Amino acid sequence: MGTSDMDTEPVGRRARNRAARHDQLLAAAGELVGEHGLDGLTMQAVADRVDCAVGTIYTYFASKSSLVAALQTAALQTLMTTYHRCAEQWDQALAEADTDESVASLVRIMAFGQLFVAGAHIHPREFELLQLTITARDQTTTSEDRLAVLPHVLAILAEARVLIDAAMEGGALAPVSARSGDDSLRRTLRWAGGLEGAYMIGNNGNPALPEPDAFDAGALAQMLTEDVLLAWGAPSRTLEIAVERLERLRAGRVLLPAEPSPA
């Protein structure tokens, strides 16, 4: 081993140790948020959870705001990874069924909507942090830290916009009109807002309410998305076929991530 190897090895080891410590602190913070909400997340609580001095936390995160922003970023990255994994499943299943591309483009949009509202069950902690990013960011993070998280939020919206653009390019949706307020970005934002609303008022069939099926978040998101696609010019017959293909994905257990096997 040369002198240069001896000089760089400790540096590499220190970097790995620091990265591992960073991940440990972030995991502990996530556990605290999951157990007690943001009010239960303090630098001291994180230090107690990992048995270190509270000053150590500040060498990794300058404030609670930066810690929350790091949690939100990690959560968004997890949700994005899940989406990409699911999208690969959808594409494979649609290709195996020799699905017409105009139909497939609508299936992908509807599948995205179903995945969005299912996020609360697939990744509950991460989804809750996403909700905090959307609904309570002014109270939880500084403007500087919000700017650090924003690109990851926009990346998820960009994935939805790509699906809408592809459907328009393939003729499954009408092109945007010349009137103000109708372009693929604004379509994406309106649809995303609707999905968020479906999640917020949906209770997944809580029997305590009258007509609990009417409050099912997945059903609300599906009906909303179908209405939106029709409004954007999707041919009714093409959409009917797409809905049927979506149900095939669900029946084949490739619409959403597979649940972990019981221990």
Protein backbone atom coordinates (compact mmCIF):
# COMPACT_ATOMS: atom_id res chain seq x y z
CA MET A 1 0.00 0.00 0.00
CA GLY A 2 1.49 3.33 -1.08
CA THR A 3 1.70 6.51 0.95
CA SER A 4 -1.22 8.05 -0.96
CA ASP A 5 -3.41 5.03 -0.14
CA MET A 6 -2.56 5.36 3.56
CA ASP A 7 -3.42 9.07 3.44
CA THR A 8 -6.77 8.69 1.70
CA GLU A 9 -8.11 5.59 3.44
CA PRO A 10 -8.83 7.30 6.81
CA VAL A 11 -10.51 10.18 4.97
CA GLY A 12 -12.76 7.74 3.12
CA ARG A 13 -13.53 5.91 6.33
CA ARG A 14 -14.41 9.13 8.10
CA ALA A 15 -16.71 10.12 5.25
CA ARG A 16 -18.48 6.76 5.39
CA ASN A 17 -18.82 6.98 9.16
CA ARG A 18 -20.23 10.48 8.90
CA ALA A 19 -22.70 9.40 6.22
CA ALA A 20 -23.79 6.46 8.38
CA ARG A 21 -24.22 8.74 11.38
CA HIS A 22 -26.25 11.19 9.27
CA ASP A 23 -28.57 8.38 8.19
CA GLN A 24 -28.89 7.16 11.78
CA LEU A 25 -29.90 10.61 12.99
CA LEU A 26 -32.35 11.01 10.13
CA ALA A 27 -33.91 7.62 10.89
CA ALA A 28 -34.25 8.51 14.56
CA ALA A 29 -35.89 11.82 13.65
CA GLY A 30 -38.30 10.01 11.36
CA GLU A 31 -39.23 7.60 14.13
CA LEU A 32 -39.94 10.48 16.49
CA VAL A 33 -42.17 12.21 13.94
CA GLY A 34 -44.00 8.94 13.34
CA GLU A 35 -44.55 8.40 17.06
CA HIS A 36 -45.20 11.94 18.30
CA GLY A 37 -45.61 14.23 15.29
CA LEU A 38 -43.50 17.30 14.66
CA ASP A 39 -44.11 18.58 18.17
CA GLY A 40 -42.22 15.58 19.49
CA LEU A 41 -39.24 16.23 17.25
CA THR A 42 -36.51 18.13 19.07
CA MET A 43 -32.76 18.02 18.77
CA GLN A 44 -32.58 16.73 22.35
CA ALA A 45 -35.06 13.97 21.59
CA VAL A 46 -32.99 12.84 18.62
CA ALA A 47 -29.83 12.88 20.76
CA ASP A 48 -31.57 10.82 23.43
CA ARG A 49 -32.81 8.33 20.84
CA VAL A 50 -29.32 7.64 19.47
CA ASP A 51 -27.51 8.20 22.80
CA CYS A 52 -25.25 11.07 21.78
CA ALA A 53 -24.64 14.64 22.89
CA VAL A 54 -27.14 17.15 21.54
CA GLY A 55 -24.26 19.19 20.17
CA THR A 56 -23.47 16.31 17.84
CA ILE A 57 -26.83 16.76 16.12
CA TYR A 58 -25.97 20.36 15.26
CA THR A 59 -22.84 19.25 13.41
CA TYR A 60 -25.16 17.51 10.94
CA PHE A 61 -28.27 19.71 10.99
CA ALA A 62 -28.07 23.41 11.78
CA SER A 63 -31.60 23.59 13.18
CA LYS A 64 -34.87 21.73 13.55
CA SER A 65 -35.95 23.38 10.31
CA SER A 66 -33.03 21.89 8.39
CA LEU A 67 -33.68 18.50 10.00
CA VAL A 68 -37.35 18.59 8.94
CA ALA A 69 -36.30 19.65 5.43
CA ALA A 70 -33.90 16.70 5.27
CA LEU A 71 -36.70 14.37 6.37
CA GLN A 72 -39.01 15.80 3.71
CA THR A 73 -36.36 15.41 1.02
CA ALA A 74 -35.70 11.79 1.99
CA ALA A 75 -39.44 11.11 2.04
CA LEU A 76 -39.94 12.59 -1.42
CA GLN A 77 -37.05 10.53 -2.76
CA THR A 78 -38.61 7.37 -1.32
CA LEU A 79 -41.96 8.18 -2.91
CA MET A 80 -40.27 8.88 -6.24
CA THR A 81 -38.41 5.56 -6.12
CA THR A 82 -41.67 3.74 -5.46
CA TYR A 83 -43.31 5.50 -8.39
CA HIS A 84 -40.53 4.53 -10.77
CA ARG A 85 -40.69 0.93 -9.61
CA CYS A 86 -44.46 0.85 -10.13
CA ALA A 87 -44.21 2.58 -13.51
CA GLU A 88 -41.91 -0.17 -14.70
CA GLN A 89 -44.47 -2.76 -13.59
CA TRP A 90 -47.25 -0.93 -15.42
CA ASP A 91 -45.25 -0.65 -18.63
CA GLN A 92 -44.29 -4.31 -18.57
CA ALA A 93 -47.86 -5.46 -17.98
CA LEU A 94 -49.25 -3.12 -20.64
CA ALA A 95 -46.64 -4.29 -23.14
CA GLU A 96 -47.36 -7.94 -22.41
CA ALA A 97 -51.06 -7.26 -23.06
CA ASP A 98 -50.16 -5.54 -26.35
CA THR A 99 -52.02 -2.43 -25.20
CA ASP A 100 -52.55 0.35 -27.71
CA GLU A 101 -50.37 3.29 -26.72
CA SER A 102 -53.23 5.78 -26.60
CA VAL A 103 -54.99 3.51 -24.11
CA ALA A 104 -51.77 2.87 -22.20
CA SER A 105 -51.13 6.60 -21.81
CA LEU A 106 -54.48 7.01 -20.03
CA VAL A 107 -53.85 3.93 -17.89
CA ARG A 108 -50.59 5.43 -16.66
CA ILE A 109 -52.33 8.66 -15.65
CA MET A 110 -55.04 6.83 -13.73
CA ALA A 111 -52.46 4.52 -12.13
CA PHE A 112 -50.47 7.54 -10.96
CA GLY A 113 -53.60 8.88 -9.28
CA GLN A 114 -54.23 5.58 -7.53
CA LEU A 115 -50.64 5.40 -6.34
CA PHE A 116 -50.83 8.95 -4.99
CA VAL A 117 -53.78 8.35 -2.68
CA ALA A 118 -52.45 4.92 -1.69
CA GLY A 119 -49.22 6.52 -0.49
CA ALA A 120 -50.66 7.00 2.99
CA HIS A 121 -50.77 3.20 3.37
CA ILE A 122 -47.67 2.28 1.37
CA HIS A 123 -45.31 4.77 3.02
CA PRO A 124 -47.28 6.33 5.90
CA ARG A 125 -44.41 8.28 7.45
CA GLU A 126 -43.12 9.57 4.14
CA PHE A 127 -46.60 10.48 2.95
CA GLU A 128 -47.28 12.39 6.16
CA LEU A 129 -44.10 14.37 5.60
CA LEU A 130 -45.25 15.09 2.06
CA GLN A 131 -48.50 16.43 3.48
CA LEU A 132 -46.54 18.64 5.84
CA THR A 133 -44.54 19.92 2.89
CA ILE A 134 -47.77 20.84 1.11
CA THR A 135 -49.95 22.11 3.94
CA ALA A 136 -47.79 23.36 6.83
CA ARG A 137 -44.39 24.29 5.48
CA ASP A 138 -44.51 27.90 6.64
CA GLN A 139 -44.72 26.74 10.25
CA THR A 140 -42.14 23.97 10.09
CA THR A 141 -39.24 25.17 7.96
CA THR A 142 -37.51 28.40 7.02
CA SER A 143 -37.75 29.86 3.54
CA GLU A 144 -34.19 28.74 2.84
CA ASP A 145 -34.92 25.16 3.83
CA ARG A 146 -38.17 25.17 1.86
CA LEU A 147 -36.21 26.16 -1.23
CA ALA A 148 -33.97 23.14 -0.68
CA VAL A 149 -36.99 20.81 -0.66
CA LEU A 150 -38.84 22.47 -3.55
CA PRO A 151 -36.93 20.75 -6.41
CA HIS A 152 -37.98 17.35 -5.07
CA VAL A 153 -41.63 18.41 -4.93
CA LEU A 154 -41.40 19.76 -8.46
CA ALA A 155 -39.78 16.51 -9.62
CA ILE A 156 -42.87 14.54 -8.59
CA LEU A 157 -45.13 17.03 -10.33
CA ALA A 158 -42.89 16.79 -13.40
CA GLU A 159 -43.51 13.04 -13.56
CA ALA A 160 -47.27 13.68 -13.66
CA ARG A 161 -46.80 16.34 -16.31
CA VAL A 162 -44.80 13.92 -18.47
CA LEU A 163 -47.74 11.50 -18.39
CA ILE A 164 -50.18 14.22 -19.46
CA ASP A 165 -47.85 15.45 -22.23
CA ALA A 166 -47.43 11.89 -23.54
CA ALA A 167 -51.19 11.38 -23.67
CA MET A 168 -51.61 14.63 -25.60
CA GLU A 169 -48.80 13.78 -28.01
CA GLY A 170 -50.34 10.36 -28.66
CA GLY A 171 -53.77 11.80 -29.36
CA ALA A 172 -55.44 10.33 -26.26
CA LEU A 173 -56.04 13.84 -24.93
CA ALA A 174 -56.83 17.03 -26.81
CA PRO A 175 -53.97 19.50 -27.10
CA VAL A 176 -54.02 22.49 -24.81
CA SER A 177 -56.27 25.30 -25.94
CA ALA A 178 -55.13 28.79 -26.81
CA ARG A 179 -57.05 30.31 -23.94
CA SER A 180 -55.12 31.45 -20.90
CA GLY A 181 -54.77 28.94 -18.10
CA ASP A 182 -54.74 25.77 -20.18
CA ASP A 183 -51.35 24.19 -20.62
CA SER A 184 -49.84 20.93 -19.39
CA LEU A 185 -48.38 22.53 -16.27
CA ARG A 186 -51.70 24.01 -15.20
CA ARG A 187 -53.48 20.77 -16.03
CA THR A 188 -51.00 18.95 -13.82
CA LEU A 189 -51.48 21.39 -10.94
CA ARG A 190 -55.28 21.23 -11.14
CA TRP A 191 -55.24 17.44 -11.22
CA ALA A 192 -52.71 17.22 -8.36
CA GLY A 193 -54.89 19.55 -6.32
CA GLY A 194 -57.87 17.32 -6.97
CA LEU A 195 -55.96 14.20 -5.92
CA GLU A 196 -54.87 15.96 -2.74
CA GLY A 197 -58.50 16.79 -2.05
CA ALA A 198 -59.56 13.19 -2.65
CA TYR A 199 -57.01 12.07 -0.10
CA MET A 200 -58.01 14.73 2.43
CA ILE A 201 -61.71 13.95 2.44
CA GLY A 202 -61.43 10.23 1.79
CA ASN A 203 -61.58 7.91 4.74
CA ASN A 204 -61.29 4.58 2.92
CA GLY A 205 -64.74 3.37 3.76
CA ASN A 206 -65.01 4.31 7.44
CA PRO A 207 -68.27 2.62 8.51
CA ALA A 208 -68.93 5.41 11.05
CA LEU A 209 -70.05 7.71 8.23
CA PRO A 210 -73.18 7.38 6.11
CA GLU A 211 -72.42 5.89 2.71
CA PRO A 212 -68.79 5.09 3.63
CA ASP A 213 -68.02 3.86 0.12
CA ALA A 214 -68.63 7.39 -1.15
CA PHE A 215 -65.65 8.55 0.94
CA ASP A 216 -63.19 5.96 -0.31
CA ALA A 217 -60.07 7.89 -1.36
CA GLY A 218 -59.13 5.50 -4.15
CA ALA A 219 -62.61 5.60 -5.65
CA LEU A 220 -62.74 9.39 -5.37
CA ALA A 221 -59.35 9.72 -7.07
CA GLN A 222 -60.43 7.38 -9.86
CA MET A 223 -63.70 9.19 -10.56
CA LEU A 224 -61.95 12.55 -10.40
CA THR A 225 -59.27 11.43 -12.86
CA GLU A 226 -61.83 9.99 -15.27
CA ASP A 227 -63.78 13.26 -15.17
CA VAL A 228 -60.61 15.25 -15.79
CA LEU A 229 -59.53 13.05 -18.70
CA LEU A 230 -62.92 13.38 -20.36
CA ALA A 231 -62.77 17.15 -19.88
CA TRP A 232 -59.35 17.15 -21.54
CA GLY A 233 -60.75 15.40 -24.61
CA ALA A 234 -60.19 11.70 -23.97
CA PRO A 235 -62.51 9.68 -26.27
CA SER A 236 -65.07 7.93 -24.07
CA ARG A 237 -64.46 4.51 -25.66
CA THR A 238 -60.69 4.84 -25.26
CA LEU A 239 -61.17 5.76 -21.62
CA GLU A 240 -63.50 2.80 -21.05
CA ILE A 241 -60.84 0.44 -22.37
CA ALA A 242 -58.19 2.17 -20.25
CA VAL A 243 -60.32 1.73 -17.11
CA GLU A 244 -60.66 -1.96 -17.91
CA ARG A 245 -56.87 -2.26 -18.38
CA LEU A 246 -56.34 -0.47 -15.08
CA GLU A 247 -58.50 -3.04 -13.32
CA ARG A 248 -56.41 -5.77 -14.92
CA LEU A 249 -53.33 -4.20 -13.35
CA ARG A 250 -55.10 -4.17 -10.00
CA ALA A 251 -56.24 -7.78 -10.36
CA GLY A 252 -52.73 -8.81 -11.38
CA ARG A 253 -51.30 -7.07 -8.30
CA VAL A 254 -49.04 -4.81 -10.35
CA LEU A 255 -50.93 -1.55 -9.86
CA LEU A 256 -49.45 -0.81 -6.43
CA PRO A 257 -46.27 -2.05 -4.71
CA ALA A 258 -46.51 -5.56 -3.35
CA GLU A 259 -47.13 -5.64 0.37
CA PRO A 260 -44.32 -7.20 2.42
CA SER A 261 -44.80 -10.84 3.22
CA PRO A 262 -45.80 -11.53 6.83
CA ALA A 263 -42.94 -12.62 9.06
